[in-house]
Protein backbone atom coordinates (compact mmCIF):
# COMPACT_ATOMS: atom_id res chain seq x y z
CA MET A 1 25.71 11.23 -3.35
CA HIS A 2 24.33 8.92 -6.03
CA GLU A 3 21.89 6.09 -5.28
CA THR A 4 19.99 3.67 -7.49
CA LYS A 5 16.60 2.57 -6.20
CA ARG A 6 13.45 1.02 -7.58
CA GLY A 7 10.29 2.89 -6.72
CA LEU A 8 6.64 3.61 -7.40
CA VAL A 9 5.71 7.14 -8.47
CA LEU A 10 2.90 8.27 -6.19
CA ARG A 11 2.58 11.87 -7.35
CA GLU A 12 3.95 14.26 -9.96
CA VAL A 13 3.57 18.04 -9.79
CA ALA A 14 4.59 20.49 -12.52
CA TYR A 15 7.46 22.68 -11.36
CA ARG A 16 9.02 25.65 -13.14
CA GLU A 17 8.89 25.64 -16.92
CA ALA A 18 9.79 22.04 -17.73
CA ASP A 19 10.42 20.21 -14.44
CA MET A 20 8.40 17.89 -12.24
CA MET A 21 8.49 17.36 -8.50
CA LEU A 22 8.00 13.67 -7.76
CA THR A 23 6.97 11.69 -4.71
CA VAL A 24 8.40 8.19 -5.05
CA LEU A 25 7.86 5.24 -2.71
CA THR A 26 11.08 3.26 -2.90
CA GLU A 27 11.79 -0.33 -1.97
CA SER A 28 14.80 0.44 0.20
CA GLY A 29 14.51 4.03 1.38
CA GLY A 30 10.92 4.89 2.10
CA LYS A 31 9.32 7.96 0.55
CA VAL A 32 11.54 10.24 -1.54
CA SER A 33 10.79 13.73 -2.89
CA ALA A 34 12.85 14.46 -5.98
CA ALA A 35 13.03 16.89 -8.89
CA ALA A 36 13.00 15.58 -12.45
CA ARG A 37 14.66 18.27 -14.54
CA GLY A 38 13.38 18.99 -18.03
CA VAL A 39 11.03 16.05 -17.95
CA ARG A 40 8.15 18.01 -19.48
CA ARG A 41 10.06 18.68 -22.67
CA LYS A 42 9.05 16.60 -25.68
CA ASN A 43 12.44 14.98 -26.08
CA SER A 44 12.87 13.98 -22.44
CA LYS A 45 14.02 10.38 -21.98
CA LEU A 46 12.62 10.36 -18.44
CA SER A 47 8.97 11.16 -19.19
CA ALA A 48 7.61 7.60 -19.23
CA ALA A 49 9.48 6.45 -16.13
CA VAL A 50 8.44 9.39 -13.93
CA GLN A 51 4.70 9.53 -14.65
CA SER A 52 2.24 8.79 -11.85
CA LEU A 53 1.74 5.09 -11.03
CA ALA A 54 4.92 4.04 -12.88
CA PHE A 55 7.24 1.53 -11.23
CA SER A 56 10.77 2.41 -12.32
CA GLU A 57 14.44 2.19 -11.47
CA PHE A 58 15.78 5.60 -10.50
CA SER A 59 19.23 7.06 -10.23
CA PHE A 60 18.96 9.73 -7.52
CA TYR A 61 21.53 12.43 -6.80
CA GLU A 62 21.45 14.25 -3.45
CA ASN A 63 23.25 17.50 -2.84
CA GLY A 64 22.64 19.79 0.10
CA GLY A 65 19.43 18.01 1.04
CA ARG A 66 17.96 18.33 -2.46
CA VAL A 67 17.33 15.21 -4.49
CA THR A 68 17.20 15.08 -8.28
CA VAL A 69 16.56 12.28 -10.74
CA ASN A 70 19.54 11.75 -13.02
CA GLU A 71 18.23 8.69 -14.85
CA ALA A 72 15.10 6.56 -14.78
CA GLU A 73 14.08 3.38 -16.57
CA PRO A 74 10.49 2.10 -16.47
CA ILE A 75 9.89 -1.42 -15.17
CA GLU A 76 6.08 -1.47 -15.27
CA LEU A 77 3.83 1.35 -16.48
CA PHE A 78 0.42 -0.29 -15.93
CA PHE A 79 -0.95 0.82 -19.29
CA GLU A 80 -4.31 -0.81 -18.53
CA LEU A 81 -4.91 1.69 -15.73
CA ARG A 82 -4.27 4.64 -18.00
CA SER A 83 -6.82 3.47 -20.56
CA ASP A 84 -9.64 3.12 -18.00
CA LEU A 85 -10.56 6.31 -16.14
CA VAL A 86 -12.34 4.50 -13.29
CA LYS A 87 -9.38 2.19 -12.66
CA PHE A 88 -6.96 5.10 -12.95
CA ALA A 89 -8.98 7.08 -10.38
CA LEU A 90 -9.00 4.12 -7.98
CA ALA A 91 -5.25 3.54 -8.41
CA SER A 92 -4.68 7.26 -7.78
CA TYR A 93 -6.61 6.92 -4.51
CA PHE A 94 -4.33 4.03 -3.55
CA ALA A 95 -1.32 6.19 -4.37
CA GLU A 96 -2.62 9.02 -2.18
CA LEU A 97 -3.10 6.61 0.72
CA LEU A 98 0.41 5.24 0.25
CA GLU A 99 1.82 8.78 0.28
CA VAL A 100 -0.02 9.65 3.48
CA THR A 101 1.06 6.43 5.19
CA ALA A 102 4.71 6.17 4.12
CA ASP A 103 7.48 7.97 5.96
CA ALA A 104 10.52 9.61 4.40
CA GLU A 105 13.70 7.53 4.70
CA VAL A 106 11.90 4.75 6.59
CA GLU A 107 12.05 1.44 4.75
CA ASN A 108 8.69 -0.37 4.60
CA PRO A 109 8.74 -3.01 1.85
CA GLU A 110 5.22 -4.14 2.74
CA LEU A 111 3.80 -0.78 1.62
CA ILE A 112 5.30 -0.85 -1.86
CA ARG A 113 4.34 -4.51 -2.26
CA LEU A 114 0.78 -3.62 -1.34
CA GLY A 115 0.77 -0.84 -3.93
CA LEU A 116 2.28 -2.95 -6.69
CA ASN A 117 0.01 -5.93 -5.97
CA SER A 118 -3.05 -3.70 -5.97
CA PHE A 119 -2.11 -1.94 -9.21
CA TYR A 120 -1.45 -5.32 -10.80
CA ALA A 121 -4.80 -6.67 -9.62
CA LEU A 122 -6.63 -3.64 -11.02
CA ALA A 123 -4.77 -3.80 -14.32
CA LYS A 124 -4.46 -7.53 -14.96
CA LEU A 125 -6.90 -9.56 -12.88
CA GLN A 126 -10.61 -10.01 -13.48
CA LYS A 127 -11.52 -9.06 -9.92
CA ASP A 128 -14.33 -6.83 -8.73
CA PRO A 129 -12.67 -3.42 -8.11
CA ARG A 130 -14.73 -3.08 -4.93
CA ILE A 131 -12.94 -6.12 -3.48
CA ILE A 132 -9.53 -4.75 -4.46
CA LYS A 133 -10.41 -1.36 -2.93
CA ALA A 134 -11.72 -2.89 0.30
CA ALA A 135 -8.69 -5.13 0.71
CA PHE A 136 -6.30 -2.24 0.08
CA GLU A 137 -8.08 0.05 2.54
CA MET A 138 -8.11 -2.41 5.41
CA ARG A 139 -4.56 -3.64 4.83
CA ILE A 140 -3.13 -0.13 4.71
CA ALA A 141 -5.11 0.75 7.84
CA ARG A 142 -3.23 -2.10 9.53
CA TYR A 143 0.14 -0.78 8.31
CA ALA A 144 -0.80 2.69 9.57
CA GLY A 145 -1.40 1.25 13.05
CA TYR A 146 -5.18 1.00 12.94
CA ALA A 147 -5.72 -2.76 12.76
CA PRO A 148 -9.13 -3.72 14.15
CA VAL A 149 -9.52 -6.49 16.73
CA LEU A 150 -11.88 -9.15 15.37
CA ASP A 151 -12.13 -11.12 18.57
CA LEU A 152 -14.50 -11.20 21.52
CA CYS A 153 -17.17 -8.62 22.26
CA PRO A 154 -15.48 -6.01 24.54
CA VAL A 155 -18.67 -5.65 26.63
CA CYS A 156 -19.64 -9.22 27.52
CA GLY A 157 -16.37 -10.98 26.67
CA ASN A 158 -18.07 -13.61 24.52
CA THR A 159 -17.95 -14.34 20.82
CA ALA A 160 -20.17 -11.66 19.35
CA ARG A 161 -23.75 -12.82 18.75
CA HIS A 162 -25.38 -11.29 15.66
CA PRO A 163 -22.20 -9.21 15.42
CA VAL A 164 -21.90 -5.55 14.48
CA PHE A 165 -18.61 -3.81 13.68
CA SER A 166 -17.83 -0.44 15.27
CA LEU A 167 -16.14 1.99 12.89
CA GLU A 168 -14.83 3.94 15.88
CA THR A 169 -13.33 1.15 18.01
CA GLY A 170 -12.63 -1.44 15.33
CA THR A 171 -14.20 -4.21 17.38
CA LEU A 172 -17.11 -6.62 17.06
CA TYR A 173 -20.03 -6.15 19.45
CA CYS A 174 -23.02 -8.35 20.12
CA ALA A 175 -26.13 -6.80 18.63
CA THR A 176 -27.67 -6.54 22.09
CA CYS A 177 -24.64 -5.16 23.97
CA PRO A 178 -23.99 -1.41 24.42
CA LYS A 179 -21.89 -0.09 21.56
CA VAL A 180 -19.53 2.79 20.80
CA GLY A 181 -19.89 4.85 17.63
CA LYS A 182 -21.52 3.96 14.35
CA THR A 183 -21.84 0.22 13.75
CA ILE A 184 -22.42 -1.99 10.71
CA PRO A 185 -24.02 -5.47 10.95
CA VAL A 186 -21.68 -8.16 9.61
CA ASP A 187 -22.02 -11.86 8.96
CA GLU A 188 -19.45 -14.64 9.10
CA GLY A 189 -18.55 -14.15 5.45
CA VAL A 190 -17.59 -10.51 5.99
CA ILE A 191 -15.66 -11.34 9.16
CA ALA A 192 -13.78 -14.11 7.35
CA ALA A 193 -12.92 -11.69 4.53
CA LEU A 194 -11.63 -9.11 7.02
CA ARG A 195 -9.42 -11.69 8.74
CA HIS A 196 -8.06 -12.84 5.39
CA ILE A 197 -7.26 -9.24 4.39
CA LEU A 198 -5.62 -8.34 7.69
CA TYR A 199 -3.63 -11.47 8.47
CA GLY A 200 -3.27 -13.44 5.23
CA ASP A 201 -0.33 -13.65 2.85
CA LEU A 202 -0.02 -10.42 0.87
CA LYS A 203 0.43 -12.46 -2.31
CA LYS A 204 -3.07 -13.86 -1.81
CA LEU A 205 -4.67 -10.63 -0.63
CA PHE A 206 -7.45 -10.67 -3.24
CA SER A 207 -8.00 -14.44 -3.29
CA PHE A 208 -11.46 -14.58 -1.80
CA ARG A 209 -15.01 -14.57 -3.11
CA MET A 210 -18.17 -13.03 -1.70
CA GLU A 211 -21.82 -12.69 -2.55
CA GLU A 212 -23.03 -9.29 -3.76
CA SER A 213 -24.50 -8.34 -0.38
CA GLY A 214 -21.23 -9.22 1.33
CA ILE A 215 -19.20 -7.12 -1.10
CA GLN A 216 -21.43 -4.12 -0.49
CA THR A 217 -21.12 -4.49 3.28
CA LEU A 218 -17.35 -4.96 3.13
CA ALA A 219 -16.92 -1.94 0.85
CA THR A 220 -18.97 0.30 3.15
CA LEU A 221 -17.14 -0.96 6.23
CA THR A 222 -13.56 -0.60 5.01
CA GLU A 223 -14.02 2.86 3.55
CA GLY A 224 -15.88 4.08 6.62
CA TYR A 225 -13.27 2.61 8.95
CA LEU A 226 -10.35 4.10 7.04
CA LEU A 227 -11.87 7.58 6.89
CA GLU A 228 -12.76 7.40 10.58
CA HIS A 229 -9.17 6.64 11.63
CA PHE A 230 -7.20 8.64 9.09
CA GLU A 231 -9.42 11.61 10.05
CA ARG A 232 -9.21 13.33 6.68
CA SER A 233 -10.79 13.33 3.25
CA PHE A 234 -9.14 12.31 -0.02
CA LYS A 235 -9.64 14.22 -3.27
CA THR A 236 -8.90 11.10 -5.28
CA LEU A 237 -11.62 9.18 -3.46
CA SER A 238 -14.15 11.91 -4.19
CA PHE A 239 -13.11 11.84 -7.84
CA TYR A 240 -13.50 8.05 -7.95
CA HIS A 241 -16.98 8.20 -6.42
CA GLY A 242 -17.92 10.85 -8.95
CA LEU A 243 -17.20 8.33 -11.70
CA VAL A 244 -18.96 5.31 -10.22
């Protein structure tokens, strides 16, 4: 069976002498694992389209449960990410999160839009990478089923006074109420940013500004919250932190 789909290459792994095994997040078919035959040879016409972080149009062929790439044409290669090691490391972290979150054969157009928008923001926009990272982390946590509840304090039932955010429960507590798990003090600016990230239009995901102290708090909160709920480490995140 032949199918043509547009997709984002999340991972490439060398296979045999000249092949690559790809993980591709497609627009219409979820996550696909496919073999790209001979792509590591110098004369391969597929090499640009199947590299990590490339957004390409693929012609897939499935036979007996095995999927191969017959043809591939690049749509966007995000060259700016490949010329900046820090940005490339951060984009690779995004790709790893997308791979962990996406399901095979389950269509989720929001996930690929989040990936493409985030890669574009890193490559093209003059935005603080910490804001892009924080927005990606919290938005993908929502898609993975871990959306926090930024509402009333669960202890007293009132709007949280001098609020703190629990990384374990994903709720806002009053500073004086009993809390669960590690908490981070947040102000109205951080709360407003979180609400914008979680519930705003994906096209405007990065359209907010914060003071330096707010950025630092938001960055600490979103990474801590994501790691708490995904319950695993990420090699790409460790690599990124090693650079910055």
